[in-house]
Protein backbone atom coordinates (compact mmCIF):
# COMPACT_ATOMS: atom_id res chain seq x y z
CA MET A 1 -27.24 16.84 -48.10
CA ARG A 2 -30.34 17.78 -46.13
CA GLU A 3 -32.28 18.82 -43.42
CA GLY A 4 -33.62 16.26 -40.82
CA LYS A 5 -35.35 16.42 -37.76
CA GLU A 6 -34.32 18.53 -35.06
CA SER A 7 -33.62 17.58 -31.82
CA ARG A 8 -32.22 18.60 -28.35
CA CYS A 9 -28.44 18.26 -26.97
CA GLU A 10 -30.10 18.46 -23.73
CA GLN A 11 -31.75 15.53 -24.10
CA CYS A 12 -29.24 13.82 -26.75
CA ILE A 13 -27.72 10.82 -24.87
CA ILE A 14 -25.13 11.01 -27.89
CA ARG A 15 -23.15 13.53 -26.18
CA GLN A 16 -22.26 11.41 -23.19
CA PHE A 17 -19.68 9.89 -25.67
CA ASN A 18 -17.56 13.50 -26.68
CA SER A 19 -16.58 16.43 -25.51
CA LEU A 20 -20.13 17.88 -25.25
CA ARG A 21 -20.47 16.09 -22.24
CA ALA A 22 -18.99 18.58 -20.34
CA MET A 23 -21.57 21.42 -21.27
CA ASN A 24 -23.79 22.68 -19.05
CA LYS A 25 -27.56 22.79 -19.35
CA GLU A 26 -27.30 26.71 -20.77
CA GLU A 27 -23.99 25.61 -22.93
CA LEU A 28 -25.97 22.85 -24.24
CA LYS A 29 -29.14 25.00 -24.52
CA LYS A 30 -27.45 27.86 -26.74
CA ILE A 31 -25.78 25.14 -29.35
CA SER A 32 -29.13 23.18 -29.43
CA ASP A 33 -30.78 26.68 -30.64
CA THR A 34 -27.74 27.14 -33.01
CA LYS A 35 -27.11 23.50 -34.17
CA VAL A 36 -28.91 22.20 -37.71
CA THR A 37 -29.25 18.26 -38.17
CA ARG A 38 -28.76 17.02 -41.74
CA LEU A 39 -29.11 13.61 -43.37
CA VAL A 40 -26.64 12.56 -45.40
CA LYS A 41 -26.44 9.66 -48.08
CA LYS A 42 -24.56 6.84 -48.59
CA GLY A 43 -21.40 8.44 -50.49
CA GLU A 44 -22.18 12.14 -50.30
CA PRO A 45 -19.45 14.17 -48.93
CA ILE A 46 -19.72 15.84 -45.24
CA PHE A 47 -17.10 18.22 -45.69
CA GLN A 48 -13.82 17.85 -47.96
CA GLU A 49 -10.35 17.98 -47.82
CA GLY A 50 -8.80 21.57 -47.72
CA GLU A 51 -12.59 23.10 -46.95
CA LYS A 52 -12.54 25.46 -44.16
CA LEU A 53 -15.06 24.47 -42.08
CA ASN A 54 -17.44 27.16 -40.04
CA GLY A 55 -18.67 24.63 -37.06
CA VAL A 56 -18.11 20.72 -36.02
CA PHE A 57 -20.16 17.74 -36.72
CA CYS A 58 -21.48 15.30 -34.37
CA VAL A 59 -22.72 11.45 -35.75
CA ARG A 60 -25.86 10.69 -34.39
CA GLU A 61 -26.10 7.92 -37.14
CA GLY A 62 -24.27 6.44 -39.78
CA ILE A 63 -20.43 5.62 -40.43
CA SER A 64 -17.81 8.17 -41.86
CA LYS A 65 -14.82 7.73 -43.52
CA LEU A 66 -11.92 10.41 -43.17
CA SER A 67 -9.44 9.77 -45.80
CA LYS A 68 -6.28 12.21 -47.28
CA LEU A 69 -5.42 12.10 -50.88
CA SER A 70 -2.11 11.39 -51.32
CA ALA A 71 0.57 13.15 -53.68
CA ASN A 72 -0.44 10.05 -56.34
CA GLY A 73 -4.28 10.67 -55.93
CA LYS A 74 -4.76 7.51 -53.52
CA ASP A 75 -7.51 8.31 -50.78
CA GLN A 76 -5.37 6.89 -47.25
CA ILE A 77 -8.50 5.73 -45.15
CA VAL A 78 -7.18 6.95 -41.67
CA LYS A 79 -10.45 6.62 -39.76
CA LEU A 80 -14.04 5.55 -39.63
CA ALA A 81 -16.12 7.97 -37.69
CA THR A 82 -19.24 6.08 -35.96
CA LYS A 83 -22.03 7.66 -33.44
CA GLY A 84 -20.91 9.79 -31.18
CA GLN A 85 -17.90 11.38 -32.78
CA VAL A 86 -17.35 14.81 -33.61
CA LEU A 87 -15.67 15.77 -36.53
CA GLY A 88 -13.45 18.48 -37.74
CA GLN A 89 -12.97 19.55 -34.22
CA ARG A 90 -9.30 19.94 -34.85
CA SER A 91 -9.63 22.41 -37.76
CA VAL A 92 -12.04 24.32 -35.95
CA ILE A 93 -10.12 24.71 -32.76
CA ALA A 94 -6.56 25.39 -34.86
CA GLU A 95 -8.49 27.80 -37.42
CA GLU A 96 -6.63 25.76 -40.59
CA THR A 97 -8.58 24.27 -43.47
CA SER A 98 -9.25 20.67 -42.84
CA ASN A 99 -6.41 18.20 -43.25
CA LEU A 100 -9.18 15.31 -44.47
CA SER A 101 -12.10 14.89 -46.26
CA ALA A 102 -15.30 13.11 -44.23
CA VAL A 103 -17.65 11.12 -46.86
CA ALA A 104 -20.23 8.83 -45.38
CA VAL A 105 -20.24 4.55 -45.62
CA ASN A 106 -23.67 4.41 -45.55
CA ASP A 107 -26.62 6.93 -44.82
CA MET A 108 -25.86 9.17 -41.91
CA GLU A 109 -27.80 11.76 -39.52
CA VAL A 110 -24.99 14.36 -38.43
CA CYS A 111 -25.73 17.27 -35.85
CA PHE A 112 -23.56 20.94 -37.51
CA ILE A 113 -22.55 23.11 -34.99
CA PRO A 114 -21.43 26.61 -35.35
CA LYS A 115 -17.86 27.21 -34.85
CA ASP A 116 -19.34 30.23 -32.41
CA GLY A 117 -20.57 27.93 -30.28
CA ILE A 118 -17.79 25.61 -29.77
CA MET A 119 -14.99 28.67 -29.39
CA THR A 120 -17.07 30.30 -26.30
CA THR A 121 -17.95 27.27 -24.54
CA LEU A 122 -14.04 26.61 -24.84
CA ASN A 123 -12.84 29.69 -23.48
CA THR A 124 -15.56 30.30 -20.66
CA ASN A 125 -15.82 26.09 -19.70
CA PRO A 126 -12.19 24.78 -18.32
CA ASN A 127 -13.94 21.01 -18.23
CA PHE A 128 -15.11 21.45 -21.98
CA ALA A 129 -11.95 22.10 -22.75
CA VAL A 130 -10.00 19.62 -20.77
CA GLU A 131 -12.40 17.13 -22.24
CA VAL A 132 -11.53 18.24 -26.51
CA LEU A 133 -7.82 17.92 -25.34
CA ARG A 134 -8.57 14.29 -24.06
CA HIS A 135 -10.13 13.60 -27.62
CA MET A 136 -7.62 15.46 -29.71
CA ALA A 137 -4.85 13.55 -27.66
CA HIS A 138 -6.93 10.19 -28.52
CA ASP A 139 -6.92 10.90 -32.40
CA LEU A 140 -3.31 11.88 -32.12
CA LYS A 141 -2.67 8.27 -30.80
CA GLU A 142 -4.55 6.61 -33.24
CA ALA A 143 -2.52 8.59 -35.78
CA ASP A 144 0.59 7.32 -34.35
CA ASP A 145 -0.72 3.45 -34.21
CA VAL A 146 -1.41 3.86 -38.02
CA ILE A 147 1.90 5.33 -39.30
CA VAL A 148 3.54 1.87 -36.54
CA ASN A 149 1.21 -0.12 -38.49
CA MET A 150 1.92 0.85 -41.83
CA SER A 151 5.94 0.76 -41.07
CA GLN A 152 5.88 -2.79 -39.34
CA LYS A 153 3.27 -4.78 -40.27
CA THR A 154 2.51 -6.48 -43.67
CA VAL A 155 -0.60 -6.19 -45.93
CA LYS A 156 -1.66 -9.80 -45.30
CA GLN A 157 -1.42 -8.89 -41.43
CA ARG A 158 -3.44 -5.13 -41.79
CA VAL A 159 -6.15 -6.85 -43.69
CA ALA A 160 -6.50 -9.28 -41.15
CA GLU A 161 -6.20 -6.20 -38.02
CA ALA A 162 -8.82 -4.19 -40.61
CA PHE A 163 -11.46 -7.24 -40.41
CA LEU A 164 -10.87 -8.15 -36.63
CA TYR A 165 -11.03 -4.08 -36.11
CA MET A 166 -14.25 -4.23 -38.24
CA LYS A 167 -16.14 -7.23 -36.20
CA LYS A 168 -14.63 -6.37 -32.32
CA ASN A 169 -16.42 -2.52 -33.04
CA TYR A 170 -19.50 -2.65 -35.63
CA GLY A 171 -20.43 -6.18 -34.69
CA GLU A 172 -22.15 -8.95 -36.99
CA ASP A 173 -25.63 -9.63 -38.51
CA LYS A 174 -27.67 -12.14 -37.80
CA GLU A 175 -26.33 -14.09 -40.47
CA GLY A 176 -22.74 -13.81 -39.33
CA PHE A 177 -21.81 -11.40 -41.79
CA LEU A 178 -19.63 -7.94 -40.49
CA VAL A 179 -22.58 -5.07 -40.06
CA LEU A 180 -20.14 -2.69 -41.56
CA THR A 181 -19.94 -3.17 -45.36
CA LEU A 182 -16.52 -1.56 -46.98
CA SER A 183 -15.94 -1.55 -50.79
CA ARG A 184 -12.31 -3.48 -51.47
CA GLU A 185 -11.50 0.08 -52.45
CA ASP A 186 -11.83 0.91 -49.24
CA ILE A 187 -10.60 -1.89 -47.62
CA ALA A 188 -7.67 -1.38 -49.70
CA ASN A 189 -7.78 2.54 -48.55
CA VAL A 190 -7.84 1.69 -44.90
CA VAL A 191 -4.87 -0.86 -45.06
CA GLY A 192 -2.47 1.18 -47.61
CA THR A 193 -2.55 -1.03 -50.41
CA ALA A 194 -3.64 -0.94 -53.88
CA THR A 195 -6.82 -2.63 -54.38
CA GLU A 196 -5.23 -5.38 -56.73
CA SER A 197 -3.64 -6.37 -53.86
CA CYS A 198 -6.48 -6.50 -51.62
CA ILE A 199 -8.63 -8.65 -53.79
CA ARG A 200 -6.10 -10.91 -54.05
CA ILE A 201 -5.63 -10.74 -50.32
CA ILE A 202 -9.14 -11.85 -49.64
CA SER A 203 -9.53 -14.80 -52.34
CA GLU A 204 -6.49 -15.96 -50.48
CA PHE A 205 -7.90 -15.58 -46.66
CA LYS A 206 -11.12 -17.43 -47.96
CA LYS A 207 -9.37 -20.38 -49.21
CA LYS A 208 -7.68 -20.77 -46.28
CA GLY A 209 -10.83 -20.47 -44.58
CA TYR A 210 -10.65 -17.28 -42.56
CA ILE A 211 -13.24 -15.78 -44.06
CA LYS A 212 -16.32 -15.82 -46.30
CA ALA A 213 -17.98 -13.63 -48.34
CA SER A 214 -21.23 -12.94 -50.09
CA GLY A 215 -20.87 -10.08 -52.91
CA LYS A 216 -19.45 -7.12 -50.38
CA LYS A 217 -20.33 -8.87 -47.51
CA ILE A 218 -17.79 -10.30 -45.19
CA ALA A 219 -18.06 -13.09 -42.54
CA ILE A 220 -15.10 -13.97 -40.53
CA THR A 221 -15.04 -17.43 -39.68
CA ASP A 222 -11.75 -18.29 -38.07
CA VAL A 223 -10.84 -15.52 -35.78
CA LYS A 224 -8.37 -17.46 -34.21
CA GLY A 225 -6.48 -17.79 -37.33
CA LEU A 226 -6.62 -13.76 -38.48
CA THR A 227 -5.42 -13.42 -34.90
CA GLU A 228 -2.28 -16.14 -35.31
CA LEU A 229 -1.96 -14.27 -38.55
CA MET A 230 -2.36 -10.36 -37.42
CA GLU A 231 0.27 -11.54 -34.40
CA SER A 232 2.47 -13.42 -36.43
């Protein structure tokens, strides 16, 4: 991880996607004076599970996978964080070590905001406190959905849902392939299955014409078929 070109929070449109939008100009100026912009290469960690965080990370570019290590040593990806999202917020506010690891899926640019600036604003700006609560509540809702999916949907349904989610949230390139490219292991970790099982299901999806693949890249060729499978 290395330092990148600095930008001012006051002029940054990214903050409109997170709780920083509730800060006033003076608060944003103070944050800007202390934050550091960092470049994170694909595969590099932003922080590790169990690490004590001294601040939060605002994603300016790129995608990060947030995962938790299970008792059997397998990573379970619980969320994909993209532009505008703030990482480490709960751990900093709760004054606990990080419950998750954050690793760059592709090259990223993140802004590290020291803890003091967040906590001071949290104690003096009620609107910011409410925004933080809203985003944490949203994260809890997403965690609830993951638990329900794991318990009520088959692995095939979860793989289908993962592909449709990537298409909806990250889009396709000009050739029709999903912009977000995950390894087969990462897809398996998203849906909570063994990599071998995930590979077999992807192969089955290709044979049925739901998707096509070129290396790691995947294109959805039958949205209706995948949707019906996901909802069946």
